[in-house]
C-alpha atoms as a PDB file:
ATOM      1  CA  MET A   1     109.223 121.728  96.256  1.00  0.00           C
ATOM      2  CA  SER A   2     111.692 119.083  95.057  1.00  0.00           C
ATOM      3  CA  THR A   3     110.329 115.712  93.924  1.00  0.00           C
ATOM      4  CA  VAL A   4     113.669 113.897  94.158  1.00  0.00           C
ATOM      5  CA  ILE A   5     113.842 111.552  97.145  1.00  0.00           C
ATOM      6  CA  THR A   6     117.367 111.008  98.435  1.00  0.00           C
ATOM      7  CA  ILE A   7     117.764 108.186 100.962  1.00  0.00           C
ATOM      8  CA  PRO A   8     120.695 108.702 103.367  1.00  0.00           C
ATOM      9  CA  GLN A   9     123.101 105.757 103.366  1.00  0.00           C
ATOM     10  CA  SER A  10     124.864 106.470 106.658  1.00  0.00           C
ATOM     11  CA  LEU A  11     124.171 108.125 109.995  1.00  0.00           C
ATOM     12  CA  LEU A  12     126.421 111.041 109.024  1.00  0.00           C
ATOM     13  CA  GLY A  13     124.467 111.381 105.782  1.00  0.00           C
ATOM     14  CA  ALA A  14     121.160 111.353 107.685  1.00  0.00           C
ATOM     15  CA  ILE A  15     122.351 114.036 110.089  1.00  0.00           C
ATOM     16  CA  LYS A  16     123.544 116.270 107.242  1.00  0.00           C
ATOM     17  CA  GLN A  17     120.430 115.738 105.123  1.00  0.00           C
ATOM     18  CA  PHE A  18     117.895 116.341 107.874  1.00  0.00           C
ATOM     19  CA  ALA A  19     119.764 119.118 109.680  1.00  0.00           C
ATOM     20  CA  ASN A  20     117.795 121.534 107.508  1.00  0.00           C
ATOM     21  CA  PRO A  21     114.130 121.529 108.695  1.00  0.00           C
ATOM     22  CA  GLN A  22     112.915 122.435 105.196  1.00  0.00           C
ATOM     23  CA  ALA A  23     114.817 119.489 103.687  1.00  0.00           C
ATOM     24  CA  ALA A  24     113.304 117.142 106.281  1.00  0.00           C
ATOM     25  CA  PHE A  25     109.837 118.528 105.523  1.00  0.00           C
ATOM     26  CA  GLU A  26     110.245 118.088 101.761  1.00  0.00           C
ATOM     27  CA  PHE A  27     111.574 114.549 102.248  1.00  0.00           C
ATOM     28  CA  MET A  28     108.510 113.554 104.265  1.00  0.00           C
ATOM     29  CA  VAL A  29     106.064 115.158 101.842  1.00  0.00           C
ATOM     30  CA  ASN A  30     107.640 113.521  98.785  1.00  0.00           C
ATOM     31  CA  PHE A  31     107.993 110.150 100.494  1.00  0.00           C
ATOM     32  CA  ARG A  32     104.426 110.105 101.788  1.00  0.00           C
ATOM     33  CA  TRP A  33     102.699 111.618  98.741  1.00  0.00           C
ATOM     34  CA  PRO A  34     104.867 110.885  95.694  1.00  0.00           C
ATOM     35  CA  GLY A  35     101.901 111.581  93.386  1.00  0.00           C
ATOM     36  CA  GLY A  36     100.904 114.820  95.101  1.00  0.00           C
ATOM     37  CA  VAL A  37      99.468 115.758  98.490  1.00  0.00           C
ATOM     38  CA  VAL A  38      95.997 114.406  99.307  1.00  0.00           C
ATOM     39  CA  CYS A  39      93.824 115.044 102.344  1.00  0.00           C
ATOM     40  CA  PRO A  40      94.238 112.209 104.912  1.00  0.00           C
ATOM     41  CA  TYR A  41      90.622 112.729 106.001  1.00  0.00           C
ATOM     42  CA  CYS A  42      88.717 112.644 102.692  1.00  0.00           C
ATOM     43  CA  SER A  43      91.429 111.845 100.079  1.00  0.00           C
ATOM     44  CA  CYS A  44      90.675 115.105  98.303  1.00  0.00           C
ATOM     45  CA  GLU A  45      93.326 116.888  96.190  1.00  0.00           C
ATOM     46  CA  ASN A  46      91.599 120.276  96.290  1.00  0.00           C
ATOM     47  CA  LEU A  47      93.955 121.833  98.834  1.00  0.00           C
ATOM     48  CA  SER A  48      95.586 125.115  99.728  1.00  0.00           C
ATOM     49  CA  PHE A  49      98.982 125.250 101.449  1.00  0.00           C
ATOM     50  CA  ILE A  50      99.636 127.622 104.359  1.00  0.00           C
ATOM     51  CA  SER A  51     103.408 128.033 104.109  1.00  0.00           C
ATOM     52  CA  THR A  52     103.839 129.972 107.363  1.00  0.00           C
ATOM     53  CA  ARG A  53     102.504 127.012 109.365  1.00  0.00           C
ATOM     54  CA  LYS A  54     103.399 124.203 106.938  1.00  0.00           C
ATOM     55  CA  VAL A  55      99.836 122.877 106.948  1.00  0.00           C
ATOM     56  CA  TRP A  56      97.264 122.250 104.258  1.00  0.00           C
ATOM     57  CA  HIS A  57      93.621 123.302 104.195  1.00  0.00           C
ATOM     58  CA  CYS A  58      91.194 120.937 102.497  1.00  0.00           C
ATOM     59  CA  LYS A  59      88.579 122.875 100.533  1.00  0.00           C
ATOM     60  CA  ASP A  60      86.173 119.908 100.571  1.00  0.00           C
ATOM     61  CA  CYS A  61      86.071 118.713 104.195  1.00  0.00           C
ATOM     62  CA  LYS A  62      87.388 122.074 105.531  1.00  0.00           C
ATOM     63  CA  LYS A  63      89.941 120.391 107.765  1.00  0.00           C
ATOM     64  CA  ARG A  64      93.589 121.330 108.186  1.00  0.00           C
ATOM     65  CA  PHE A  65      96.405 118.837 108.447  1.00  0.00           C
ATOM     66  CA  SER A  66     100.164 118.663 108.680  1.00  0.00           C
ATOM     67  CA  VAL A  67     102.529 116.111 107.188  1.00  0.00           C
ATOM     68  CA  LYS A  68     102.441 114.207 110.496  1.00  0.00           C
ATOM     69  CA  VAL A  69      98.668 113.668 110.587  1.00  0.00           C
ATOM     70  CA  GLY A  70      97.746 110.042 109.994  1.00  0.00           C
ATOM     71  CA  THR A  71     101.231 108.775 110.844  1.00  0.00           C
ATOM     72  CA  ILE A  72     102.970 107.426 113.937  1.00  0.00           C
ATOM     73  CA  MET A  73     104.328 110.982 114.406  1.00  0.00           C
ATOM     74  CA  GLU A  74     100.892 112.577 114.821  1.00  0.00           C
ATOM     75  CA  ASP A  75     100.683 114.967 117.818  1.00  0.00           C
ATOM     76  CA  SER A  76     104.434 114.570 118.427  1.00  0.00           C
ATOM     77  CA  PRO A  77     106.185 117.856 119.286  1.00  0.00           C
ATOM     78  CA  LEU A  78     109.503 116.462 118.046  1.00  0.00           C
ATOM     79  CA  PRO A  79     110.632 118.090 114.791  1.00  0.00           C
ATOM     80  CA  LEU A  80     111.010 115.913 111.698  1.00  0.00           C
ATOM     81  CA  GLU A  81     114.799 116.209 111.743  1.00  0.00           C
ATOM     82  CA  LYS A  82     114.956 114.496 115.152  1.00  0.00           C
ATOM     83  CA  TRP A  83     112.404 111.902 114.123  1.00  0.00           C
ATOM     84  CA  PHE A  84     114.383 110.877 111.043  1.00  0.00           C
ATOM     85  CA  SER A  85     117.728 110.810 112.852  1.00  0.00           C
ATOM     86  CA  GLY A  86     116.140 108.711 115.610  1.00  0.00           C
ATOM     87  CA  ILE A  87     114.604 106.269 113.111  1.00  0.00           C
ATOM     88  CA  PHE A  88     117.967 105.869 111.385  1.00  0.00           C
ATOM     89  CA  LEU A  89     119.688 105.134 114.697  1.00  0.00           C
ATOM     90  CA  ILE A  90     117.080 102.654 115.923  1.00  0.00           C
ATOM     91  CA  THR A  91     116.579 100.662 112.733  1.00  0.00           C
ATOM     92  CA  ASN A  92     120.318 100.186 112.217  1.00  0.00           C
ATOM     93  CA  ALA A  93     121.443  99.448 115.787  1.00  0.00           C
ATOM     94  CA  LYS A  94     122.473  95.787 115.461  1.00  0.00           C
ATOM     95  CA  ASN A  95     122.321  95.129 119.195  1.00  0.00           C
ATOM     96  CA  GLY A  96     119.525  97.572 119.944  1.00  0.00           C
ATOM     97  CA  ILE A  97     119.887 101.023 121.449  1.00  0.00           C
ATOM     98  CA  SER A  98     118.773 102.283 124.844  1.00  0.00           C
ATOM     99  CA  SER A  99     116.544 105.273 125.507  1.00  0.00           C
ATOM    100  CA  CYS A 100     119.377 106.949 127.426  1.00  0.00           C
ATOM    101  CA  GLU A 101     121.643 106.753 124.382  1.00  0.00           C
ATOM    102  CA  ILE A 102     118.903 108.083 122.103  1.00  0.00           C
ATOM    103  CA  ALA A 103     118.273 110.934 124.560  1.00  0.00           C
ATOM    104  CA  ARG A 104     121.937 111.958 124.516  1.00  0.00           C
ATOM    105  CA  ALA A 105     122.207 111.678 120.731  1.00  0.00           C
ATOM    106  CA  LEU A 106     119.074 113.710 119.952  1.00  0.00           C
ATOM    107  CA  GLY A 107     119.203 116.144 122.863  1.00  0.00           C
ATOM    108  CA  VAL A 108     115.849 115.119 124.331  1.00  0.00           C
ATOM    109  CA  THR A 109     114.736 113.752 127.697  1.00  0.00           C
ATOM    110  CA  GLN A 110     114.949 110.036 128.461  1.00  0.00           C
ATOM    111  CA  LYS A 111     111.159 109.867 128.681  1.00  0.00           C
ATOM    112  CA  THR A 112     110.803 111.352 125.199  1.00  0.00           C
ATOM    113  CA  ALA A 113     113.465 108.991 123.829  1.00  0.00           C
ATOM    114  CA  TRP A 114     111.718 105.986 125.432  1.00  0.00           C
ATOM    115  CA  PHE A 115     108.420 106.945 123.802  1.00  0.00           C
ATOM    116  CA  LEU A 116     110.176 107.474 120.459  1.00  0.00           C
ATOM    117  CA  LEU A 117     111.772 104.023 120.718  1.00  0.00           C
ATOM    118  CA  HIS A 118     108.413 102.370 121.299  1.00  0.00           C
ATOM    119  CA  LYS A 119     106.834 104.192 118.379  1.00  0.00           C
ATOM    120  CA  VAL A 120     109.618 103.140 116.029  1.00  0.00           C
ATOM    121  CA  ARG A 121     109.451  99.532 117.240  1.00  0.00           C
ATOM    122  CA  TYR A 122     105.717  99.657 116.580  1.00  0.00           C
ATOM    123  CA  ILE A 123     106.233 100.497 112.905  1.00  0.00           C
ATOM    124  CA  MET A 124     109.013  97.886 112.674  1.00  0.00           C
ATOM    125  CA  ASP A 125     106.493  95.098 113.256  1.00  0.00           C
ATOM    126  CA  CYS A 126     107.119  92.862 110.241  1.00  0.00           C
ATOM    127  CA  GLY A 127     104.320  90.359 110.756  1.00  0.00           C
ATOM    128  CA  SER A 128     102.935  88.642 107.689  1.00  0.00           C
ATOM    129  CA  MET A 129      99.739  86.756 106.926  1.00  0.00           C
ATOM    130  CA  ASN A 130     101.528  84.477 104.460  1.00  0.00           C
ATOM    131  CA  LYS A 131     102.372  81.037 105.769  1.00  0.00           C
ATOM    132  CA  MET A 132     105.935  79.726 105.629  1.00  0.00           C
ATOM    133  CA  THR A 133     106.809  76.939 103.244  1.00  0.00           C
ATOM    134  CA  GLY A 134     109.892  74.833 102.552  1.00  0.00           C
ATOM    135  CA  SER A 135     112.086  74.050 105.550  1.00  0.00           C
ATOM    136  CA  VAL A 136     110.971  75.593 108.850  1.00  0.00           C
ATOM    137  CA  GLU A 137     112.326  75.559 112.421  1.00  0.00           C
ATOM    138  CA  ALA A 138     110.223  76.049 115.565  1.00  0.00           C
ATOM    139  CA  ASP A 139     111.404  76.514 119.130  1.00  0.00           C
ATOM    140  CA  GLU A 140     110.464  78.277 122.349  1.00  0.00           C
ATOM    141  CA  THR A 141     112.489  80.043 125.025  1.00  0.00           C
ATOM    142  CA  TYR A 142     112.040  81.662 128.426  1.00  0.00           C
ATOM    143  CA  ILE A 143     112.762  85.352 128.989  1.00  0.00           C
ATOM    144  CA  GLY A 144     113.333  86.737 132.481  1.00  0.00           C
ATOM    145  CA  GLY A 145     115.831  86.900 135.317  1.00  0.00           C
ATOM    146  CA  LYS A 146     116.477  84.388 138.059  1.00  0.00           C
ATOM    147  CA  ALA A 147     114.731  84.966 141.355  1.00  0.00           C
ATOM    148  CA  LYS A 148     117.995  84.726 143.316  1.00  0.00           C
ATOM    149  CA  ASN A 149     119.272  87.841 141.529  1.00  0.00           C
ATOM    150  CA  MET A 150     116.198  89.932 142.270  1.00  0.00           C
ATOM    151  CA  HIS A 151     115.235  92.293 145.059  1.00  0.00           C
ATOM    152  CA  ALA A 152     113.518  90.534 147.960  1.00  0.00           C
ATOM    153  CA  ASP A 153     110.132  92.048 147.060  1.00  0.00           C
ATOM    154  CA  LYS A 154     110.341  90.699 143.525  1.00  0.00           C
ATOM    155  CA  ARG A 155     111.789  87.384 144.672  1.00  0.00           C
ATOM    156  CA  ARG A 156     108.674  86.622 146.715  1.00  0.00           C
ATOM    157  CA  GLU A 157     106.632  86.720 143.508  1.00  0.00           C
ATOM    158  CA  LYS A 158     108.655  83.847 142.092  1.00  0.00           C
ATOM    159  CA  ILE A 159     108.198  80.248 143.095  1.00  0.00           C
ATOM    160  CA  ASN A 160     111.896  79.490 142.612  1.00  0.00           C
ATOM    161  CA  GLY A 161     114.826  80.688 140.556  1.00  0.00           C
ATOM    162  CA  ARG A 162     115.200  77.707 138.254  1.00  0.00           C
ATOM    163  CA  GLY A 163     113.821  76.730 134.866  1.00  0.00           C
ATOM    164  CA  GLY A 164     110.981  78.772 133.435  1.00  0.00           C
ATOM    165  CA  SER A 165     109.178  79.591 136.648  1.00  0.00           C
ATOM    166  CA  GLY A 166     107.922  83.174 136.613  1.00  0.00           C
ATOM    167  CA  LYS A 167     109.405  83.857 133.175  1.00  0.00           C
ATOM    168  CA  THR A 168     107.767  84.893 129.923  1.00  0.00           C
ATOM    169  CA  ILE A 169     107.542  82.279 127.178  1.00  0.00           C
ATOM    170  CA  VAL A 170     108.339  83.263 123.602  1.00  0.00           C
ATOM    171  CA  MET A 171     107.881  81.028 120.568  1.00  0.00           C
ATOM    172  CA  GLY A 172     109.863  81.503 117.381  1.00  0.00           C
ATOM    173  CA  ILE A 173     109.235  80.098 113.915  1.00  0.00           C
ATOM    174  CA  LEU A 174     112.037  80.500 111.390  1.00  0.00           C
ATOM    175  CA  GLY A 175     111.822  79.903 107.646  1.00  0.00           C
ATOM    176  CA  ARG A 176     115.187  78.726 106.372  1.00  0.00           C
ATOM    177  CA  ALA A 177     116.870  80.479 103.474  1.00  0.00           C
ATOM    178  CA  ALA A 178     115.873  79.202 100.043  1.00  0.00           C
ATOM    179  CA  GLU A 179     118.203  79.803  97.087  1.00  0.00           C
ATOM    180  CA  MET A 180     119.306  83.473  97.232  1.00  0.00           C
ATOM    181  CA  ASN A 181     116.849  84.561  99.928  1.00  0.00           C
ATOM    182  CA  VAL A 182     117.673  84.859 103.619  1.00  0.00           C
ATOM    183  CA  SER A 183     116.032  83.109 106.539  1.00  0.00           C
ATOM    184  CA  ASN A 184     113.323  85.067 108.319  1.00  0.00           C
ATOM    185  CA  ILE A 185     111.722  84.709 111.711  1.00  0.00           C
ATOM    186  CA  ARG A 186     108.419  85.385 113.459  1.00  0.00           C
ATOM    187  CA  THR A 187     108.206  85.487 117.235  1.00  0.00           C
ATOM    188  CA  LYS A 188     105.292  85.697 119.619  1.00  0.00           C
ATOM    189  CA  VAL A 189     104.719  85.758 123.372  1.00  0.00           C
ATOM    190  CA  VAL A 190     102.676  82.655 124.214  1.00  0.00           C
ATOM    191  CA  PRO A 191     100.846  81.662 127.410  1.00  0.00           C
ATOM    192  CA  GLY A 192     102.449  78.233 127.709  1.00  0.00           C
ATOM    193  CA  THR A 193     104.168  75.325 126.003  1.00  0.00           C
ATOM    194  CA  THR A 194     101.267  72.902 125.850  1.00  0.00           C
ATOM    195  CA  ALA A 195     100.644  70.916 122.691  1.00  0.00           C
ATOM    196  CA  ASN A 196      97.498  72.929 121.912  1.00  0.00           C
ATOM    197  CA  THR A 197      99.356  76.269 122.162  1.00  0.00           C
ATOM    198  CA  LEU A 198     102.381  75.237 120.102  1.00  0.00           C
ATOM    199  CA  ARG A 199     100.319  73.434 117.495  1.00  0.00           C
ATOM    200  CA  ALA A 200      98.021  76.441 117.038  1.00  0.00           C
ATOM    201  CA  GLU A 201     100.985  78.751 116.383  1.00  0.00           C
ATOM    202  CA  ILE A 202     102.566  76.358 113.900  1.00  0.00           C
ATOM    203  CA  GLU A 203      99.312  75.835 112.014  1.00  0.00           C
ATOM    204  CA  ALA A 204      98.778  79.615 111.851  1.00  0.00           C
ATOM    205  CA  ASN A 205     102.243  80.309 110.433  1.00  0.00           C
ATOM    206  CA  VAL A 206     103.395  77.208 108.547  1.00  0.00           C
ATOM    207  CA  GLU A 207     101.850  75.765 105.394  1.00  0.00           C
ATOM    208  CA  ALA A 208     100.722  72.148 105.655  1.00  0.00           C
ATOM    209  CA  GLY A 209     103.225  69.771 104.081  1.00  0.00           C
ATOM    210  CA  ALA A 210     106.248  71.911 104.961  1.00  0.00           C
ATOM    211  CA  GLU A 211     109.389  70.397 106.446  1.00  0.00           C
ATOM    212  CA  LEU A 212     109.174  71.115 110.185  1.00  0.00           C
ATOM    213  CA  ASN A 213     112.226  70.890 112.460  1.00  0.00           C
ATOM    214  CA  THR A 214     111.840  70.965 116.258  1.00  0.00           C
ATOM    215  CA  ASP A 215     113.487  69.661 119.394  1.00  0.00           C
ATOM    216  CA  ALA A 216     112.144  66.726 121.396  1.00  0.00           C
ATOM    217  CA  HIS A 217     109.624  68.775 123.406  1.00  0.00           C
ATOM    218  CA  LYS A 218     106.434  66.751 123.891  1.00  0.00           C
ATOM    219  CA  GLY A 219     104.331  69.725 122.812  1.00  0.00           C
ATOM    220  CA  TYR A 220     105.452  69.137 119.221  1.00  0.00           C
ATOM    221  CA  ARG A 221     104.343  65.522 119.094  1.00  0.00           C
ATOM    222  CA  GLY A 222     101.495  64.640 116.743  1.00  0.00           C
ATOM    223  CA  LEU A 223     102.451  67.084 113.962  1.00  0.00           C
ATOM    224  CA  SER A 224     103.598  64.401 111.530  1.00  0.00           C
ATOM    225  CA  ASP A 225     100.122  64.096 110.015  1.00  0.00           C
ATOM    226  CA  GLU A 226     100.259  67.656 108.643  1.00  0.00           C
ATOM    227  CA  TYR A 227     103.983  68.268 108.268  1.00  0.00           C
ATOM    228  CA  LYS A 228     107.197  66.469 107.413  1.00  0.00           C
ATOM    229  CA  HIS A 229     108.125  66.614 111.066  1.00  0.00           C
ATOM    230  CA  GLY A 230     111.625  65.801 112.175  1.00  0.00           C
ATOM    231  CA  TRP A 231     112.931  66.326 115.686  1.00  0.00           C
ATOM    232  CA  VAL A 232     116.255  66.025 117.463  1.00  0.00           C
ATOM    233  CA  ASP A 233     116.809  65.310 121.143  1.00  0.00           C
ATOM    234  CA  HIS A 234     119.186  67.996 122.452  1.00  0.00           C
ATOM    235  CA  ALA A 235     120.048  65.842 125.436  1.00  0.00           C
ATOM    236  CA  VAL A 236     121.844  63.537 123.002  1.00  0.00           C
ATOM    237  CA  LYS A 237     122.823  65.684 119.987  1.00  0.00           C
ATOM    238  CA  TYR A 238     122.041  69.005 118.316  1.00  0.00           C
ATOM    239  CA  VAL A 239     121.915  67.854 114.693  1.00  0.00           C
ATOM    240  CA  GLU A 240     120.412  64.738 113.109  1.00  0.00           C
ATOM    241  CA  GLY A 241     121.259  64.938 109.406  1.00  0.00           C
ATOM    242  CA  LYS A 242     119.303  67.934 108.086  1.00  0.00           C
ATOM    243  CA  ILE A 243     117.139  68.044 111.200  1.00  0.00           C
ATOM    244  CA  ARG A 244     118.204  70.928 113.439  1.00  0.00           C
ATOM    245  CA  CYS A 245     116.948  74.078 115.194  1.00  0.00           C
ATOM    246  CA  ASN A 246     120.252  75.950 115.100  1.00  0.00           C
ATOM    247  CA  GLY A 247     118.838  78.904 113.168  1.00  0.00           C
ATOM    248  CA  VAL A 248     116.131  79.838 115.646  1.00  0.00           C
ATOM    249  CA  GLU A 249     118.413  79.074 118.598  1.00  0.00           C
ATOM    250  CA  ASN A 250     120.986  81.450 117.138  1.00  0.00           C
ATOM    251  CA  TYR A 251     118.254  84.103 117.088  1.00  0.00           C
ATOM    252  CA  TRP A 252     117.518  83.481 120.794  1.00  0.00           C
ATOM    253  CA  SER A 253     121.210  83.949 121.555  1.00  0.00           C
ATOM    254  CA  LEU A 254     121.306  87.266 119.684  1.00  0.00           C
ATOM    255  CA  PHE A 255     118.110  88.516 121.319  1.00  0.00           C
ATOM    256  CA  LYS A 256     119.176  87.627 124.862  1.00  0.00           C
ATOM    257  CA  ARG A 257     122.557  89.311 124.414  1.00  0.00           C
ATOM    258  CA  THR A 258     120.691  92.429 123.317  1.00  0.00           C
ATOM    259  CA  LEU A 259     118.441  92.292 126.397  1.00  0.00           C
ATOM    260  CA  HIS A 260     121.296  91.779 128.839  1.00  0.00           C
ATOM    261  CA  GLY A 261     123.869  94.032 127.190  1.00  0.00           C
ATOM    262  CA  THR A 262     121.771  96.972 125.979  1.00  0.00           C
ATOM    263  CA  TYR A 263     118.519  97.131 127.921  1.00  0.00           C
ATOM    264  CA  THR A 264     119.502  95.320 131.161  1.00  0.00           C
ATOM    265  CA  HIS A 265     115.836  95.095 132.217  1.00  0.00           C
ATOM    266  CA  ILE A 266     112.496  95.282 130.440  1.00  0.00           C
ATOM    267  CA  ASP A 267     108.917  95.000 131.614  1.00  0.00           C
ATOM    268  CA  ALA A 268     107.504  91.683 130.399  1.00  0.00           C
ATOM    269  CA  ARG A 269     104.447  93.566 129.140  1.00  0.00           C
ATOM    270  CA  HIS A 270     106.687  95.446 126.693  1.00  0.00           C
ATOM    271  CA  LEU A 271     108.455  92.302 125.478  1.00  0.00           C
ATOM    272  CA  ARG A 272     106.359  92.150 122.312  1.00  0.00           C
ATOM    273  CA  ALA A 273     107.712  95.552 121.236  1.00  0.00           C
ATOM    274  CA  TYR A 274     111.333  94.518 121.772  1.00  0.00           C
ATOM    275  CA  LEU A 275     110.703  91.367 119.742  1.00  0.00           C
ATOM    276  CA  ASP A 276     109.228  93.445 116.898  1.00  0.00           C
ATOM    277  CA  GLY A 277     112.390  95.519 116.702  1.00  0.00           C
ATOM    278  CA  GLN A 278     114.696  92.518 116.844  1.00  0.00           C
ATOM    279  CA  ASP A 279     112.628  90.565 114.279  1.00  0.00           C
ATOM    280  CA  SER A 280     112.814  93.464 111.836  1.00  0.00           C
ATOM    281  CA  ARG A 281     116.573  93.930 112.197  1.00  0.00           C
ATOM    282  CA  TYR A 282     117.125  90.170 111.800  1.00  0.00           C
ATOM    283  CA  ASN A 283     114.876  89.774 108.753  1.00  0.00           C
ATOM    284  CA  ASN A 284     116.370  92.859 107.072  1.00  0.00           C
ATOM    285  CA  ARG A 285     119.969  92.098 108.023  1.00  0.00           C
ATOM    286  CA  LYS A 286     121.102  91.751 104.395  1.00  0.00           C
ATOM    287  CA  MET A 287     119.882  95.263 103.556  1.00  0.00           C
ATOM    288  CA  ASN A 288     122.142  98.278 103.856  1.00  0.00           C
ATOM    289  CA  ASP A 289     121.456 101.021 106.405  1.00  0.00           C
ATOM    290  CA  GLY A 290     119.650 103.243 103.926  1.00  0.00           C
ATOM    291  CA  ALA A 291     117.274 100.468 102.850  1.00  0.00           C
ATOM    292  CA  ARG A 292     116.358  99.611 106.457  1.00  0.00           C
ATOM    293  CA  PHE A 293     115.665 103.287 107.114  1.00  0.00           C
ATOM    294  CA  ALA A 294     113.467 103.492 103.999  1.00  0.00           C
ATOM    295  CA  VAL A 295     111.458 100.419 105.050  1.00  0.00           C
ATOM    296  CA  ALA A 296     110.697 102.062 108.402  1.00  0.00           C
ATOM    297  CA  VAL A 297     109.720 105.399 106.813  1.00  0.00           C
ATOM    298  CA  MET A 298     107.344 103.592 104.444  1.00  0.00           C
ATOM    299  CA  ALA A 299     105.560 102.155 107.496  1.00  0.00           C
ATOM    300  CA  LEU A 300     105.003 105.537 109.194  1.00  0.00           C
ATOM    301  CA  SER A 301     101.519 106.095 107.801  1.00  0.00           C
ATOM    302  CA  GLY A 302      98.366 104.475 109.119  1.00  0.00           C
ATOM    303  CA  LYS A 303      99.675 103.603 112.579  1.00  0.00           C
ATOM    304  CA  ARG A 304      99.115 105.284 115.926  1.00  0.00           C
ATOM    305  CA  LEU A 305     100.492 104.620 119.414  1.00  0.00           C
ATOM    306  CA  THR A 306      99.621 106.852 122.366  1.00  0.00           C
ATOM    307  CA  TYR A 307     101.497 107.295 125.615  1.00  0.00           C
ATOM    308  CA  GLU A 308      98.390 106.191 127.499  1.00  0.00           C
ATOM    309  CA  GLU A 309      98.596 102.788 125.818  1.00  0.00           C
ATOM    310  CA  LEU A 310     102.130 102.398 127.183  1.00  0.00           C
ATOM    311  CA  SER A 311     101.235 103.693 130.647  1.00  0.00           C
ATOM    312  CA  GLU A 312     100.449 101.497 133.633  1.00  0.00           C
ATOM    313  CA  ARG A 313      96.735 101.715 132.935  1.00  0.00           C
ATOM    314  CA  GLY A 314      97.213 100.722 129.325  1.00  0.00           C
ATOM    315  CA  LEU A 315      99.551  97.882 130.205  1.00  0.00           C
ATOM    316  CA  LYS A 316      96.995  96.353 132.565  1.00  0.00           C
ATOM    317  CA  MET A 317      95.007  95.455 129.460  1.00  0.00           C
ATOM    318  CA  MET A 318      97.917  93.429 128.124  1.00  0.00           C
ATOM    319  CA  VAL A 319      98.636  89.799 128.940  1.00  0.00           C
ATOM    320  CA  PRO A 320     102.349  89.094 129.596  1.00  0.00           C
END
């Protein structure tokens, strides 16, 4: 089995490289276990390979496993060649890609493509425990359609069609580019825009003493004790010297165009997943297509997402 890992640099290259099932299998094995195959159950290297089934038998724990076990692909009937082509498409679609388009491209059902999309978005989650420093922007937005444009049954659930009534609130915190680096963003669905909610998110993601830029929302008042807080009133102007929120507001514009132009409608309970995908594409925008694909493949292991978790019963456990 070859130990050379070739990363495709274009969609055509990915299709050619993974068209051969054996090549796709070798790519996954070498990428996942560059130092040699180990048992995902007991980390043992005392294995025997059953070539006819492409599975390994662990001589210590006596369990058998495939290359998909312990990854987001576990229990998936999709072959590796379709998985890799799908990952390449999803991670490099600047404006997102719909499940219908994925279904046509890979020759699978829309339901299968929808599940694949959610799994790939799940591994694209680029959250970090490190707090942002330097110059930071914070802002919130409302996601959702106007009641006047909805079916009568849905319209009754809304109080009115203006402002943020009945919409989902998303907060974004953007670290501005420093020297040769690029700006990066973290977004999160929040329950409201009260001072306690906004302050908690900023304190969890921004290092004390950082330069904080916000708009004139009252929820951001009182942050000057911990941060170099500057704010600009958008009713009067959008920039006050170096104080501005244009970076995070540009992100909102990109995200909303993706929602309206590509997906048309999403369930608010799935909004977190769509944000994960958009955050990853935005933060990795300076990478080439091959590098973005490699980042996603590196995140395949150690994550699991079942269809039941995305079903109606699973979604009832989520808070919009």
